[in-house]
PDB file of N, CA and C in Angstrom:
ATOM      1  N   ALA A   1       0.808  -1.175  -0.038  1.00  0.00           N
ATOM      2  CA  ALA A   1      -0.011   0.057   0.022  1.00  0.00           C
ATOM      3  C   ALA A   1       0.879   1.208  -0.022  1.00  0.00           C
ATOM      4  N   ASN A   2       0.397   2.251  -0.685  1.00  0.00           N
ATOM      5  CA  ASN A   2       1.145   3.573  -0.761  1.00  0.00           C
ATOM      6  C   ASN A   2       0.358   4.570   0.073  1.00  0.00           C
ATOM      7  N   PRO A   3       0.828   4.821   1.321  1.00  0.00           N
ATOM      8  CA  PRO A   3       0.077   5.753   2.207  1.00  0.00           C
ATOM      9  C   PRO A   3       0.003   7.151   1.693  1.00  0.00           C
ATOM     10  N   GLN A   4       0.798   7.538   0.695  1.00  0.00           N
ATOM     11  CA  GLN A   4       0.674   8.851   0.092  1.00  0.00           C
ATOM     12  C   GLN A   4      -0.456   8.926  -0.931  1.00  0.00           C
ATOM     13  N   ALA A   5      -0.922   7.740  -1.368  1.00  0.00           N
ATOM     14  CA  ALA A   5      -1.946   7.742  -2.370  1.00  0.00           C
ATOM     15  C   ALA A   5      -3.254   7.105  -1.937  1.00  0.00           C
ATOM     16  N   GLU A   6      -3.236   6.349  -0.905  1.00  0.00           N
ATOM     17  CA  GLU A   6      -4.363   5.627  -0.450  1.00  0.00           C
ATOM     18  C   GLU A   6      -4.407   5.482   1.086  1.00  0.00           C
ATOM     19  N   ALA A   7      -5.581   5.372   1.643  1.00  0.00           N
ATOM     20  CA  ALA A   7      -5.745   5.238   3.131  1.00  0.00           C
ATOM     21  C   ALA A   7      -5.272   3.876   3.575  1.00  0.00           C
ATOM     22  N   ILE A   8      -4.806   3.818   4.781  1.00  0.00           N
ATOM     23  CA  ILE A   8      -4.352   2.555   5.431  1.00  0.00           C
ATOM     24  C   ILE A   8      -5.130   2.327   6.639  1.00  0.00           C
ATOM     25  N   LEU A   9      -5.627   1.092   6.806  1.00  0.00           N
ATOM     26  CA  LEU A   9      -6.381   0.715   7.995  1.00  0.00           C
ATOM     27  C   LEU A   9      -5.489   0.714   9.205  1.00  0.00           C
ATOM     28  N   ALA A  10      -5.750   1.514  10.209  1.00  0.00           N
ATOM     29  CA  ALA A  10      -4.902   1.524  11.396  1.00  0.00           C
ATOM     30  C   ALA A  10      -5.249   0.336  12.272  1.00  0.00           C
ATOM     31  N   GLU A  11      -4.334  -0.544  12.397  1.00  0.00           N
ATOM     32  CA  GLU A  11      -4.448  -1.732  13.205  1.00  0.00           C
ATOM     33  C   GLU A  11      -3.108  -2.099  13.763  1.00  0.00           C
ATOM     34  N   PRO A  12      -2.989  -2.602  14.933  1.00  0.00           N
ATOM     35  CA  PRO A  12      -1.700  -3.031  15.531  1.00  0.00           C
ATOM     36  C   PRO A  12      -0.995  -3.956  14.648  1.00  0.00           C
ATOM     37  N   GLY A  13       0.330  -3.709  14.470  1.00  0.00           N
ATOM     38  CA  GLY A  13       1.146  -4.577  13.640  1.00  0.00           C
ATOM     39  C   GLY A  13       1.231  -4.162  12.186  1.00  0.00           C
ATOM     40  N   LYS A  14       0.403  -3.225  11.795  1.00  0.00           N
ATOM     41  CA  LYS A  14       0.372  -2.769  10.409  1.00  0.00           C
ATOM     42  C   LYS A  14       1.679  -1.971  10.105  1.00  0.00           C
ATOM     43  N   LYS A  15       2.377  -2.354   9.045  1.00  0.00           N
ATOM     44  CA  LYS A  15       3.608  -1.719   8.582  1.00  0.00           C
ATOM     45  C   LYS A  15       3.383  -1.079   7.272  1.00  0.00           C
ATOM     46  N   PHE A  16       4.019   0.095   7.082  1.00  0.00           N
ATOM     47  CA  PHE A  16       3.988   0.839   5.817  1.00  0.00           C
ATOM     48  C   PHE A  16       5.217   1.736   5.717  1.00  0.00           C
ATOM     49  N   SER A  17       5.464   2.166   4.512  1.00  0.00           N
ATOM     50  CA  SER A  17       6.651   3.054   4.256  1.00  0.00           C
ATOM     51  C   SER A  17       6.209   4.193   3.352  1.00  0.00           C
ATOM     52  N   PHE A  18       6.900   5.260   3.409  1.00  0.00           N
ATOM     53  CA  PHE A  18       6.786   6.366   2.447  1.00  0.00           C
ATOM     54  C   PHE A  18       8.020   7.128   2.290  1.00  0.00           C
ATOM     55  N   ASP A  19       8.118   7.782   1.181  1.00  0.00           N
ATOM     56  CA  ASP A  19       9.358   8.531   0.782  1.00  0.00           C
ATOM     57  C   ASP A  19       9.019   9.977   0.553  1.00  0.00           C
ATOM     58  N   THR A  20      10.068  10.809   0.831  1.00  0.00           N
ATOM     59  CA  THR A  20      10.130  12.224   0.386  1.00  0.00           C
ATOM     60  C   THR A  20      11.284  12.334  -0.532  1.00  0.00           C
ATOM     61  N   THR A  21      11.586  13.537  -0.929  1.00  0.00           N
ATOM     62  CA  THR A  21      12.792  13.791  -1.785  1.00  0.00           C
ATOM     63  C   THR A  21      14.037  13.331  -1.067  1.00  0.00           C
ATOM     64  N   ALA A  22      14.194  13.557   0.194  1.00  0.00           N
ATOM     65  CA  ALA A  22      15.392  13.283   0.938  1.00  0.00           C
ATOM     66  C   ALA A  22      15.286  12.138   1.983  1.00  0.00           C
ATOM     67  N   LEU A  23      14.048  11.765   2.293  1.00  0.00           N
ATOM     68  CA  LEU A  23      13.889  10.789   3.402  1.00  0.00           C
ATOM     69  C   LEU A  23      13.130   9.533   3.025  1.00  0.00           C
ATOM     70  N   ARG A  24      13.369   8.498   3.732  1.00  0.00           N
ATOM     71  CA  ARG A  24      12.448   7.313   3.654  1.00  0.00           C
ATOM     72  C   ARG A  24      12.053   7.076   5.046  1.00  0.00           C
ATOM     73  N   VAL A  25      10.759   6.807   5.261  1.00  0.00           N
ATOM     74  CA  VAL A  25      10.187   6.579   6.589  1.00  0.00           C
ATOM     75  C   VAL A  25       9.516   5.120   6.538  1.00  0.00           C
ATOM     76  N   ASP A  26      10.003   4.325   7.494  1.00  0.00           N
ATOM     77  CA  ASP A  26       9.323   3.080   7.751  1.00  0.00           C
ATOM     78  C   ASP A  26       8.529   3.174   9.070  1.00  0.00           C
ATOM     79  N   ALA A  27       7.250   2.790   9.009  1.00  0.00           N
ATOM     80  CA  ALA A  27       6.369   2.911  10.172  1.00  0.00           C
ATOM     81  C   ALA A  27       5.734   1.637  10.532  1.00  0.00           C
ATOM     82  N   GLU A  28       5.435   1.515  11.801  1.00  0.00           N
ATOM     83  CA  GLU A  28       4.577   0.382  12.245  1.00  0.00           C
ATOM     84  C   GLU A  28       3.590   0.891  13.371  1.00  0.00           C
ATOM     85  N   ILE A  29       2.358   0.565  13.167  1.00  0.00           N
ATOM     86  CA  ILE A  29       1.333   0.913  14.147  1.00  0.00           C
ATOM     87  C   ILE A  29       1.435  -0.069  15.311  1.00  0.00           C
ATOM     88  N   GLU A  30       1.578   0.468  16.516  1.00  0.00           N
ATOM     89  CA  GLU A  30       1.842  -0.386  17.669  1.00  0.00           C
ATOM     90  C   GLU A  30       0.565  -0.583  18.505  1.00  0.00           C
ATOM     91  N   GLU A  31      -0.183   0.510  18.637  1.00  0.00           N
ATOM     92  CA  GLU A  31      -1.415   0.465  19.498  1.00  0.00           C
ATOM     93  C   GLU A  31      -2.505   1.419  18.984  1.00  0.00           C
ATOM     94  N   VAL A  32      -3.722   0.917  19.063  1.00  0.00           N
ATOM     95  CA  VAL A  32      -4.849   1.677  18.572  1.00  0.00           C
ATOM     96  C   VAL A  32      -5.984   1.540  19.633  1.00  0.00           C
ATOM     97  N   GLU A  33      -6.536   2.711  19.999  1.00  0.00           N
ATOM     98  CA  GLU A  33      -7.646   2.795  20.890  1.00  0.00           C
ATOM     99  C   GLU A  33      -8.704   3.726  20.287  1.00  0.00           C
ATOM    100  N   TYR A  34      -9.867   3.279  20.049  1.00  0.00           N
ATOM    101  CA  TYR A  34     -10.902   4.119  19.491  1.00  0.00           C
ATOM    102  C   TYR A  34     -11.614   4.918  20.592  1.00  0.00           C
ATOM    103  N   GLY A  35     -12.072   6.023  20.188  1.00  0.00           N
ATOM    104  CA  GLY A  35     -12.818   6.961  21.142  1.00  0.00           C
ATOM    105  C   GLY A  35     -14.293   6.627  21.309  1.00  0.00           C
ATOM    106  N   ASP A  36     -14.803   5.778  20.456  1.00  0.00           N
ATOM    107  CA  ASP A  36     -16.230   5.459  20.545  1.00  0.00           C
ATOM    108  C   ASP A  36     -16.494   4.024  20.012  1.00  0.00           C
ATOM    109  N   ASP A  37     -17.627   3.503  20.209  1.00  0.00           N
ATOM    110  CA  ASP A  37     -17.978   2.156  19.799  1.00  0.00           C
ATOM    111  C   ASP A  37     -18.076   1.947  18.273  1.00  0.00           C
ATOM    112  N   GLU A  38     -18.334   3.071  17.598  1.00  0.00           N
ATOM    113  CA  GLU A  38     -18.463   3.073  16.102  1.00  0.00           C
ATOM    114  C   GLU A  38     -17.123   3.191  15.374  1.00  0.00           C
ATOM    115  N   LYS A  39     -16.002   3.396  16.177  1.00  0.00           N
ATOM    116  CA  LYS A  39     -14.679   3.505  15.652  1.00  0.00           C
ATOM    117  C   LYS A  39     -14.552   4.652  14.622  1.00  0.00           C
ATOM    118  N   THR A  40     -15.078   5.819  15.034  1.00  0.00           N
ATOM    119  CA  THR A  40     -15.025   6.999  14.149  1.00  0.00           C
ATOM    120  C   THR A  40     -13.800   7.911  14.366  1.00  0.00           C
ATOM    121  N   PHE A  41     -13.199   7.700  15.598  1.00  0.00           N
ATOM    122  CA  PHE A  41     -11.948   8.503  15.866  1.00  0.00           C
ATOM    123  C   PHE A  41     -11.061   7.749  16.887  1.00  0.00           C
ATOM    124  N   PHE A  42      -9.856   8.203  16.986  1.00  0.00           N
ATOM    125  CA  PHE A  42      -8.931   7.562  17.894  1.00  0.00           C
ATOM    126  C   PHE A  42      -8.859   8.316  19.172  1.00  0.00           C
ATOM    127  N   SER A  43      -8.803   7.584  20.357  1.00  0.00           N
ATOM    128  CA  SER A  43      -8.405   8.293  21.589  1.00  0.00           C
ATOM    129  C   SER A  43      -6.928   8.117  21.811  1.00  0.00           C
ATOM    130  N   LYS A  44      -6.362   7.051  21.148  1.00  0.00           N
ATOM    131  CA  LYS A  44      -4.860   6.850  21.264  1.00  0.00           C
ATOM    132  C   LYS A  44      -4.449   6.080  20.011  1.00  0.00           C
ATOM    133  N   LEU A  45      -3.404   6.532  19.490  1.00  0.00           N
ATOM    134  CA  LEU A  45      -2.713   5.749  18.374  1.00  0.00           C
ATOM    135  C   LEU A  45      -1.164   5.946  18.545  1.00  0.00           C
ATOM    136  N   THR A  46      -0.525   4.781  18.695  1.00  0.00           N
ATOM    137  CA  THR A  46       0.871   4.812  18.917  1.00  0.00           C
ATOM    138  C   THR A  46       1.613   4.156  17.662  1.00  0.00           C
ATOM    139  N   ALA A  47       2.626   4.888  17.127  1.00  0.00           N
ATOM    140  CA  ALA A  47       3.289   4.329  15.927  1.00  0.00           C
ATOM    141  C   ALA A  47       4.778   4.474  16.169  1.00  0.00           C
ATOM    142  N   ASN A  48       5.566   3.547  15.617  1.00  0.00           N
ATOM    143  CA  ASN A  48       7.008   3.588  15.684  1.00  0.00           C
ATOM    144  C   ASN A  48       7.414   4.032  14.276  1.00  0.00           C
ATOM    145  N   LEU A  49       8.224   5.128  14.240  1.00  0.00           N
ATOM    146  CA  LEU A  49       8.734   5.685  12.978  1.00  0.00           C
ATOM    147  C   LEU A  49      10.218   5.568  12.949  1.00  0.00           C
ATOM    148  N   LYS A  50      10.767   5.010  11.867  1.00  0.00           N
ATOM    149  CA  LYS A  50      12.193   5.001  11.598  1.00  0.00           C
ATOM    150  C   LYS A  50      12.440   5.855  10.324  1.00  0.00           C
ATOM    151  N   VAL A  51      13.143   6.882  10.560  1.00  0.00           N
ATOM    152  CA  VAL A  51      13.414   7.871   9.461  1.00  0.00           C
ATOM    153  C   VAL A  51      14.876   7.734   8.996  1.00  0.00           C
ATOM    154  N   PHE A  52      15.050   7.612   7.653  1.00  0.00           N
ATOM    155  CA  PHE A  52      16.400   7.418   7.143  1.00  0.00           C
ATOM    156  C   PHE A  52      16.624   8.517   6.026  1.00  0.00           C
ATOM    157  N   LEU A  53      17.809   9.055   6.093  1.00  0.00           N
ATOM    158  CA  LEU A  53      18.227  10.028   5.060  1.00  0.00           C
ATOM    159  C   LEU A  53      18.646   9.193   3.817  1.00  0.00           C
ATOM    160  N   LYS A  54      18.138   9.572   2.657  1.00  0.00           N
ATOM    161  CA  LYS A  54      18.525   8.859   1.465  1.00  0.00           C
ATOM    162  C   LYS A  54      19.945   9.215   1.079  1.00  0.00           C
ATOM    163  N   GLU A  55      20.647   8.202   0.583  1.00  0.00           N
ATOM    164  CA  GLU A  55      22.008   8.424   0.059  1.00  0.00           C
ATOM    165  C   GLU A  55      22.037   9.475  -1.000  1.00  0.00           C
ATOM    166  N   GLY A  56      22.894  10.399  -0.881  1.00  0.00           N
ATOM    167  CA  GLY A  56      23.081  11.444  -1.842  1.00  0.00           C
ATOM    168  C   GLY A  56      22.094  12.659  -1.677  1.00  0.00           C
ATOM    169  N   ALA A  57      21.272  12.596  -0.643  1.00  0.00           N
ATOM    170  CA  ALA A  57      20.350  13.647  -0.475  1.00  0.00           C
ATOM    171  C   ALA A  57      21.090  14.914  -0.056  1.00  0.00           C
ATOM    172  N   ASP A  58      20.767  16.034  -0.661  1.00  0.00           N
ATOM    173  CA  ASP A  58      21.347  17.324  -0.294  1.00  0.00           C
ATOM    174  C   ASP A  58      20.423  18.054   0.650  1.00  0.00           C
ATOM    175  N   ILE A  59      20.904  18.054   1.936  1.00  0.00           N
ATOM    176  CA  ILE A  59      20.037  18.700   3.013  1.00  0.00           C
ATOM    177  C   ILE A  59      20.643  20.009   3.416  1.00  0.00           C
ATOM    178  N   ARG A  60      21.699  20.547   2.726  1.00  0.00           N
ATOM    179  CA  ARG A  60      22.387  21.751   3.128  1.00  0.00           C
ATOM    180  C   ARG A  60      21.456  22.988   2.919  1.00  0.00           C
ATOM    181  N   ARG A  61      20.588  22.919   1.895  1.00  0.00           N
ATOM    182  CA  ARG A  61      19.786  24.060   1.600  1.00  0.00           C
ATOM    183  C   ARG A  61      18.691  24.350   2.643  1.00  0.00           C
ATOM    184  N   GLY A  62      18.332  23.346   3.432  1.00  0.00           N
ATOM    185  CA  GLY A  62      17.359  23.554   4.476  1.00  0.00           C
ATOM    186  C   GLY A  62      15.903  23.692   3.907  1.00  0.00           C
ATOM    187  N   GLU A  63      15.682  23.192   2.733  1.00  0.00           N
ATOM    188  CA  GLU A  63      14.298  23.289   2.163  1.00  0.00           C
ATOM    189  C   GLU A  63      13.697  21.835   2.049  1.00  0.00           C
ATOM    190  N   MET A  64      12.432  21.826   2.201  1.00  0.00           N
ATOM    191  CA  MET A  64      11.666  20.563   2.060  1.00  0.00           C
ATOM    192  C   MET A  64      10.554  20.780   1.101  1.00  0.00           C
ATOM    193  N   ASP A  65      10.028  19.633   0.490  1.00  0.00           N
ATOM    194  CA  ASP A  65       8.939  19.714  -0.416  1.00  0.00           C
ATOM    195  C   ASP A  65       7.623  19.857   0.365  1.00  0.00           C
ATOM    196  N   ILE A  66       7.374  21.066   0.945  1.00  0.00           N
ATOM    197  CA  ILE A  66       6.200  21.333   1.756  1.00  0.00           C
ATOM    198  C   ILE A  66       5.228  22.047   0.853  1.00  0.00           C
ATOM    199  N   PRO A  67       3.971  21.557   0.806  1.00  0.00           N
ATOM    200  CA  PRO A  67       2.871  22.269   0.038  1.00  0.00           C
ATOM    201  C   PRO A  67       2.803  23.704   0.359  1.00  0.00           C
ATOM    202  N   ASP A  68       2.497  24.560  -0.519  1.00  0.00           N
ATOM    203  CA  ASP A  68       2.449  26.033  -0.347  1.00  0.00           C
ATOM    204  C   ASP A  68       1.493  26.397   0.797  1.00  0.00           C
ATOM    205  N   GLU A  69       0.343  25.720   0.922  1.00  0.00           N
ATOM    206  CA  GLU A  69      -0.620  26.077   1.975  1.00  0.00           C
ATOM    207  C   GLU A  69      -0.080  25.875   3.420  1.00  0.00           C
ATOM    208  N   PHE A  70       0.986  25.122   3.540  1.00  0.00           N
ATOM    209  CA  PHE A  70       1.613  24.913   4.867  1.00  0.00           C
ATOM    210  C   PHE A  70       2.813  25.740   5.147  1.00  0.00           C
ATOM    211  N   LYS A  71       3.256  26.466   4.174  1.00  0.00           N
ATOM    212  CA  LYS A  71       4.479  27.389   4.279  1.00  0.00           C
ATOM    213  C   LYS A  71       4.044  28.652   5.032  1.00  0.00           C
ATOM    214  N   SER A  72       4.878  29.156   5.908  1.00  0.00           N
ATOM    215  CA  SER A  72       4.522  30.388   6.571  1.00  0.00           C
ATOM    216  C   SER A  72       5.075  31.610   5.835  1.00  0.00           C
TER     217      SER A  72
END
C-alpha cells in the first residue's frame, strides 16, 4: 500500500513506508484505541517511525517539499 496515495487501516502490527525527496520513513502501528464504539476517531494511536536520510540527499539548503498552503 502507498500511504501517500491511499488510506491505510490503522491496526496494531500494520507496517507501511513512504518517501520524500530526501527521506524514507518506515512505520509500524503499535497500539490503537478508538474513542467510541463506532470506531470513528482515535483516543490513542501509537506508531513507531524509523526515518532514514537517502543516500546522496542534499540537505544543506534547508528546504523541504512542503505544500504551499503549509508554508509560513
